[in-house]
């Protein structure tokens, strides 16, 4: 019940952050308002308008608190039409922001392999990406820089670790066009 977090004069962003903290026990790695939803009918919670936010947290570090349950978006329980529209809009907004903001990097440790980064993008996009094209796009966009560290991931040679390249160190920004990378 998000309204129990609202104090007079607080912005919706602050209330959403409080809701995320209540459900997770920590602040989300990324949160954004996606819109207001209303269809002229009252929602089961007796509200005429619902304001929705999308938030992401690293899977390894987060688990819902008691009273909260997480579901994959492909396996959600029965939702009202308004709730279904909010989930679909949240997915579209998050996927649309992937080439504009470092969302995937916020969900990974400070250093990561390119395979881990590609898996994160595939998870967020809900689609497989072509490995060589993904790596070329990363190189062209100057989003990552190699470290001097390597990690062994089973058989084969160790994988080099990378880190997100802050904007101030990058060349002029060129976004990654993930729509071209699908096999």
C-alpha atoms as a PDB file:
ATOM      1  CA  UNK A   1       0.000   0.000   0.000  1.00  0.00           C
ATOM      2  CA  UNK A   2       2.160   2.851  -1.303  1.00  0.00           C
ATOM      3  CA  UNK A   3       0.007   5.641   0.106  1.00  0.00           C
ATOM      4  CA  UNK A   4       1.076   4.725   3.646  1.00  0.00           C
ATOM      5  CA  UNK A   5       4.557   6.046   2.731  1.00  0.00           C
ATOM      6  CA  UNK A   6       3.362   9.407   1.436  1.00  0.00           C
ATOM      7  CA  UNK A   7       3.898  12.502   3.555  1.00  0.00           C
ATOM      8  CA  UNK A   8       2.433  15.895   2.759  1.00  0.00           C
ATOM      9  CA  UNK A   9       4.543  17.692   0.171  1.00  0.00           C
ATOM     10  CA  UNK A  10       6.609  14.652  -0.892  1.00  0.00           C
ATOM     11  CA  UNK A  11       7.155  13.995  -4.568  1.00  0.00           C
ATOM     12  CA  UNK A  12       6.014  10.774  -6.203  1.00  0.00           C
ATOM     13  CA  UNK A  13       9.687   9.901  -6.800  1.00  0.00           C
ATOM     14  CA  UNK A  14      10.375   9.942  -3.067  1.00  0.00           C
ATOM     15  CA  UNK A  15       7.283   7.844  -2.327  1.00  0.00           C
ATOM     16  CA  UNK A  16       8.304   5.327  -5.014  1.00  0.00           C
ATOM     17  CA  UNK A  17      11.806   5.076  -3.534  1.00  0.00           C
ATOM     18  CA  UNK A  18      10.281   4.442  -0.100  1.00  0.00           C
ATOM     19  CA  UNK A  19       8.082   1.696  -1.580  1.00  0.00           C
ATOM     20  CA  UNK A  20      11.123   0.085  -3.195  1.00  0.00           C
ATOM     21  CA  UNK A  21      13.042   0.255   0.060  1.00  0.00           C
ATOM     22  CA  UNK A  22      10.107  -1.292   1.952  1.00  0.00           C
ATOM     23  CA  UNK A  23       9.783  -4.181  -0.502  1.00  0.00           C
ATOM     24  CA  UNK A  24      13.533  -4.828  -0.873  1.00  0.00           C
ATOM     25  CA  UNK A  25      15.207  -3.531   2.227  1.00  0.00           C
ATOM     26  CA  UNK A  26      17.449  -1.429  -0.033  1.00  0.00           C
ATOM     27  CA  UNK A  27      17.149   1.220  -2.725  1.00  0.00           C
ATOM     28  CA  UNK A  28      16.625  -0.020  -6.303  1.00  0.00           C
ATOM     29  CA  UNK A  29      19.604   0.295  -8.658  1.00  0.00           C
ATOM     30  CA  UNK A  30      17.403   2.162 -11.167  1.00  0.00           C
ATOM     31  CA  UNK A  31      13.906   3.623 -10.826  1.00  0.00           C
ATOM     32  CA  UNK A  32      11.839   5.724 -13.208  1.00  0.00           C
ATOM     33  CA  UNK A  33       8.250   6.919 -13.398  1.00  0.00           C
ATOM     34  CA  UNK A  34       6.524   5.438 -16.423  1.00  0.00           C
ATOM     35  CA  UNK A  35       3.182   7.159 -16.352  1.00  0.00           C
ATOM     36  CA  UNK A  36      -0.297   7.583 -14.926  1.00  0.00           C
ATOM     37  CA  UNK A  37      -2.969   5.057 -15.763  1.00  0.00           C
ATOM     38  CA  UNK A  38      -6.711   5.466 -15.540  1.00  0.00           C
ATOM     39  CA  UNK A  39      -9.652   4.173 -17.496  1.00  0.00           C
ATOM     40  CA  UNK A  40     -12.563   6.060 -15.942  1.00  0.00           C
ATOM     41  CA  UNK A  41     -13.329   3.158 -13.614  1.00  0.00           C
ATOM     42  CA  UNK A  42     -12.144   2.624 -10.082  1.00  0.00           C
ATOM     43  CA  UNK A  43      -9.266   0.249  -9.545  1.00  0.00           C
ATOM     44  CA  UNK A  44      -9.702  -2.530  -6.930  1.00  0.00           C
ATOM     45  CA  UNK A  45      -7.745  -0.318  -4.500  1.00  0.00           C
ATOM     46  CA  UNK A  46     -10.461   2.345  -4.984  1.00  0.00           C
ATOM     47  CA  UNK A  47      -8.228   4.771  -6.909  1.00  0.00           C
ATOM     48  CA  UNK A  48      -9.181   6.415 -10.169  1.00  0.00           C
ATOM     49  CA  UNK A  49      -5.613   6.997 -11.311  1.00  0.00           C
ATOM     50  CA  UNK A  50      -2.537   4.851 -10.711  1.00  0.00           C
ATOM     51  CA  UNK A  51       0.978   6.240 -11.117  1.00  0.00           C
ATOM     52  CA  UNK A  52       3.440   3.507 -12.054  1.00  0.00           C
ATOM     53  CA  UNK A  53       7.200   3.278 -11.670  1.00  0.00           C
ATOM     54  CA  UNK A  54       9.651   0.693 -12.932  1.00  0.00           C
ATOM     55  CA  UNK A  55      12.594  -0.280 -10.732  1.00  0.00           C
ATOM     56  CA  UNK A  56      15.414  -2.755 -11.186  1.00  0.00           C
ATOM     57  CA  UNK A  57      17.628  -4.467  -8.627  1.00  0.00           C
ATOM     58  CA  UNK A  58      20.530  -6.893  -9.046  1.00  0.00           C
ATOM     59  CA  UNK A  59      19.142 -10.423  -8.808  1.00  0.00           C
ATOM     60  CA  UNK A  60      22.036 -11.738  -6.706  1.00  0.00           C
ATOM     61  CA  UNK A  61      21.709  -9.167  -3.942  1.00  0.00           C
ATOM     62  CA  UNK A  62      17.962  -8.696  -3.715  1.00  0.00           C
ATOM     63  CA  UNK A  63      15.178 -10.768  -2.299  1.00  0.00           C
ATOM     64  CA  UNK A  64      11.680  -9.612  -1.471  1.00  0.00           C
ATOM     65  CA  UNK A  65      10.775  -8.978   2.141  1.00  0.00           C
ATOM     66  CA  UNK A  66       8.027 -10.921   3.879  1.00  0.00           C
ATOM     67  CA  UNK A  67       4.655 -10.146   2.377  1.00  0.00           C
ATOM     68  CA  UNK A  68       6.039  -9.501  -1.121  1.00  0.00           C
ATOM     69  CA  UNK A  69       6.347 -11.995  -3.964  1.00  0.00           C
ATOM     70  CA  UNK A  70       8.243 -11.660  -7.228  1.00  0.00           C
ATOM     71  CA  UNK A  71       7.182 -13.199 -10.511  1.00  0.00           C
ATOM     72  CA  UNK A  72       8.814 -13.290 -13.943  1.00  0.00           C
ATOM     73  CA  UNK A  73       6.874 -10.921 -16.203  1.00  0.00           C
ATOM     74  CA  UNK A  74       6.081 -13.893 -18.439  1.00  0.00           C
ATOM     75  CA  UNK A  75       4.446 -15.746 -15.511  1.00  0.00           C
ATOM     76  CA  UNK A  76       2.414 -13.113 -13.669  1.00  0.00           C
ATOM     77  CA  UNK A  77      -0.757 -14.063 -11.794  1.00  0.00           C
ATOM     78  CA  UNK A  78      -4.117 -12.686 -12.944  1.00  0.00           C
ATOM     79  CA  UNK A  79      -3.967  -8.893 -13.101  1.00  0.00           C
ATOM     80  CA  UNK A  80      -6.579  -6.259 -13.731  1.00  0.00           C
ATOM     81  CA  UNK A  81      -6.407  -4.640 -17.185  1.00  0.00           C
ATOM     82  CA  UNK A  82      -4.886  -1.496 -15.642  1.00  0.00           C
ATOM     83  CA  UNK A  83      -2.213  -3.495 -13.808  1.00  0.00           C
ATOM     84  CA  UNK A  84      -1.419  -5.471 -16.973  1.00  0.00           C
ATOM     85  CA  UNK A  85      -1.052  -2.179 -18.910  1.00  0.00           C
ATOM     86  CA  UNK A  86       1.332  -0.851 -16.231  1.00  0.00           C
ATOM     87  CA  UNK A  87       3.536  -3.977 -16.400  1.00  0.00           C
ATOM     88  CA  UNK A  88       3.653  -3.837 -20.198  1.00  0.00           C
ATOM     89  CA  UNK A  89       4.477  -0.103 -20.144  1.00  0.00           C
ATOM     90  CA  UNK A  90       7.201  -0.668 -17.536  1.00  0.00           C
ATOM     91  CA  UNK A  91       8.807  -3.320 -19.732  1.00  0.00           C
ATOM     92  CA  UNK A  92       8.677  -1.061 -22.811  1.00  0.00           C
ATOM     93  CA  UNK A  93      10.116   1.946 -20.949  1.00  0.00           C
ATOM     94  CA  UNK A  94      12.971  -0.063 -19.419  1.00  0.00           C
ATOM     95  CA  UNK A  95      13.862  -1.664 -22.751  1.00  0.00           C
ATOM     96  CA  UNK A  96      13.679   1.697 -24.497  1.00  0.00           C
ATOM     97  CA  UNK A  97      16.111   3.236 -22.005  1.00  0.00           C
ATOM     98  CA  UNK A  98      18.790   0.553 -22.392  1.00  0.00           C
ATOM     99  CA  UNK A  99      20.574   2.354 -25.225  1.00  0.00           C
ATOM    100  CA  UNK A 100      20.283   5.752 -23.499  1.00  0.00           C
ATOM    101  CA  UNK A 101      21.243   5.021 -19.883  1.00  0.00           C
ATOM    102  CA  UNK A 102      23.700   2.657 -18.150  1.00  0.00           C
ATOM    103  CA  UNK A 103      20.904   0.536 -16.656  1.00  0.00           C
ATOM    104  CA  UNK A 104      22.557  -2.841 -17.288  1.00  0.00           C
ATOM    105  CA  UNK A 105      25.794  -1.661 -15.699  1.00  0.00           C
ATOM    106  CA  UNK A 106      23.966  -0.770 -12.472  1.00  0.00           C
ATOM    107  CA  UNK A 107      22.845  -4.378 -12.165  1.00  0.00           C
ATOM    108  CA  UNK A 108      26.329  -5.863 -12.505  1.00  0.00           C
ATOM    109  CA  UNK A 109      29.312  -5.828 -10.157  1.00  0.00           C
ATOM    110  CA  UNK A 110      31.949  -3.115 -10.710  1.00  0.00           C
ATOM    111  CA  UNK A 111      33.985  -5.464 -12.914  1.00  0.00           C
ATOM    112  CA  UNK A 112      32.355  -7.993 -15.204  1.00  0.00           C
ATOM    113  CA  UNK A 113      33.030 -10.099 -18.264  1.00  0.00           C
ATOM    114  CA  UNK A 114      31.583  -9.169 -21.641  1.00  0.00           C
ATOM    115  CA  UNK A 115      29.605 -12.426 -21.504  1.00  0.00           C
ATOM    116  CA  UNK A 116      28.009 -11.320 -18.225  1.00  0.00           C
ATOM    117  CA  UNK A 117      27.169  -7.946 -19.731  1.00  0.00           C
ATOM    118  CA  UNK A 118      25.660  -9.565 -22.813  1.00  0.00           C
ATOM    119  CA  UNK A 119      23.595 -11.919 -20.629  1.00  0.00           C
ATOM    120  CA  UNK A 120      22.286  -8.922 -18.670  1.00  0.00           C
ATOM    121  CA  UNK A 121      21.252  -7.127 -21.869  1.00  0.00           C
ATOM    122  CA  UNK A 122      19.615 -10.307 -23.172  1.00  0.00           C
ATOM    123  CA  UNK A 123      17.695 -10.680 -19.904  1.00  0.00           C
ATOM    124  CA  UNK A 124      16.515  -7.066 -19.958  1.00  0.00           C
ATOM    125  CA  UNK A 125      15.625  -7.107 -23.658  1.00  0.00           C
ATOM    126  CA  UNK A 126      14.060 -10.569 -23.539  1.00  0.00           C
ATOM    127  CA  UNK A 127      15.962 -11.499 -26.713  1.00  0.00           C
ATOM    128  CA  UNK A 128      19.218 -13.167 -27.671  1.00  0.00           C
ATOM    129  CA  UNK A 129      21.946 -10.961 -29.132  1.00  0.00           C
ATOM    130  CA  UNK A 130      24.603 -11.908 -31.658  1.00  0.00           C
ATOM    131  CA  UNK A 131      27.890 -12.145 -29.710  1.00  0.00           C
ATOM    132  CA  UNK A 132      30.248 -10.573 -32.263  1.00  0.00           C
ATOM    133  CA  UNK A 133      27.801  -7.787 -33.154  1.00  0.00           C
ATOM    134  CA  UNK A 134      27.211  -7.014 -29.476  1.00  0.00           C
ATOM    135  CA  UNK A 135      30.942  -6.679 -28.834  1.00  0.00           C
ATOM    136  CA  UNK A 136      31.471  -4.498 -31.915  1.00  0.00           C
ATOM    137  CA  UNK A 137      28.625  -2.231 -30.810  1.00  0.00           C
ATOM    138  CA  UNK A 138      30.127  -1.919 -27.314  1.00  0.00           C
ATOM    139  CA  UNK A 139      33.521  -1.035 -28.764  1.00  0.00           C
ATOM    140  CA  UNK A 140      32.023   1.562 -31.110  1.00  0.00           C
ATOM    141  CA  UNK A 141      30.030   3.161 -28.275  1.00  0.00           C
ATOM    142  CA  UNK A 142      32.998   3.279 -25.875  1.00  0.00           C
ATOM    143  CA  UNK A 143      30.841   2.004 -22.996  1.00  0.00           C
ATOM    144  CA  UNK A 144      33.412  -0.276 -21.356  1.00  0.00           C
ATOM    145  CA  UNK A 145      37.128  -0.350 -20.690  1.00  0.00           C
ATOM    146  CA  UNK A 146      39.256  -3.428 -20.012  1.00  0.00           C
ATOM    147  CA  UNK A 147      40.920  -3.956 -16.662  1.00  0.00           C
ATOM    148  CA  UNK A 148      44.131  -5.873 -16.013  1.00  0.00           C
ATOM    149  CA  UNK A 149      42.133  -8.601 -14.278  1.00  0.00           C
ATOM    150  CA  UNK A 150      41.008 -11.959 -15.650  1.00  0.00           C
ATOM    151  CA  UNK A 151      38.532 -14.537 -14.327  1.00  0.00           C
ATOM    152  CA  UNK A 152      38.438 -18.238 -15.054  1.00  0.00           C
ATOM    153  CA  UNK A 153      34.908 -19.376 -15.897  1.00  0.00           C
ATOM    154  CA  UNK A 154      35.330 -23.123 -16.181  1.00  0.00           C
ATOM    155  CA  UNK A 155      36.960 -24.721 -19.196  1.00  0.00           C
ATOM    156  CA  UNK A 156      38.838 -22.643 -21.688  1.00  0.00           C
ATOM    157  CA  UNK A 157      40.902 -19.537 -21.294  1.00  0.00           C
ATOM    158  CA  UNK A 158      40.093 -16.955 -18.607  1.00  0.00           C
ATOM    159  CA  UNK A 159      37.832 -14.049 -19.516  1.00  0.00           C
ATOM    160  CA  UNK A 160      39.065 -10.488 -19.218  1.00  0.00           C
ATOM    161  CA  UNK A 161      37.190  -8.254 -16.802  1.00  0.00           C
ATOM    162  CA  UNK A 162      35.790  -4.896 -17.896  1.00  0.00           C
ATOM    163  CA  UNK A 163      34.264  -1.897 -16.162  1.00  0.00           C
ATOM    164  CA  UNK A 164      31.768   0.741 -17.219  1.00  0.00           C
ATOM    165  CA  UNK A 165      33.577   3.674 -18.799  1.00  0.00           C
ATOM    166  CA  UNK A 166      32.321   6.902 -17.224  1.00  0.00           C
ATOM    167  CA  UNK A 167      31.032   9.499 -19.655  1.00  0.00           C
ATOM    168  CA  UNK A 168      33.767  12.019 -18.884  1.00  0.00           C
ATOM    169  CA  UNK A 169      36.440   9.571 -20.098  1.00  0.00           C
ATOM    170  CA  UNK A 170      34.585   8.585 -23.251  1.00  0.00           C
ATOM    171  CA  UNK A 171      34.830   9.948 -26.732  1.00  0.00           C
ATOM    172  CA  UNK A 172      31.689  11.676 -28.002  1.00  0.00           C
ATOM    173  CA  UNK A 173      28.732   9.400 -27.233  1.00  0.00           C
ATOM    174  CA  UNK A 174      27.416   7.031 -29.819  1.00  0.00           C
ATOM    175  CA  UNK A 175      24.490   4.943 -28.578  1.00  0.00           C
ATOM    176  CA  UNK A 176      24.246   1.209 -28.993  1.00  0.00           C
ATOM    177  CA  UNK A 177      21.531   0.159 -31.418  1.00  0.00           C
ATOM    178  CA  UNK A 178      20.453  -3.176 -29.933  1.00  0.00           C
ATOM    179  CA  UNK A 179      17.693  -3.582 -32.496  1.00  0.00           C
ATOM    180  CA  UNK A 180      20.394  -4.398 -35.056  1.00  0.00           C
ATOM    181  CA  UNK A 181      22.063  -7.060 -32.933  1.00  0.00           C
ATOM    182  CA  UNK A 182      19.370  -9.761 -32.907  1.00  0.00           C
ATOM    183  CA  UNK A 183      20.387 -12.989 -34.668  1.00  0.00           C
END
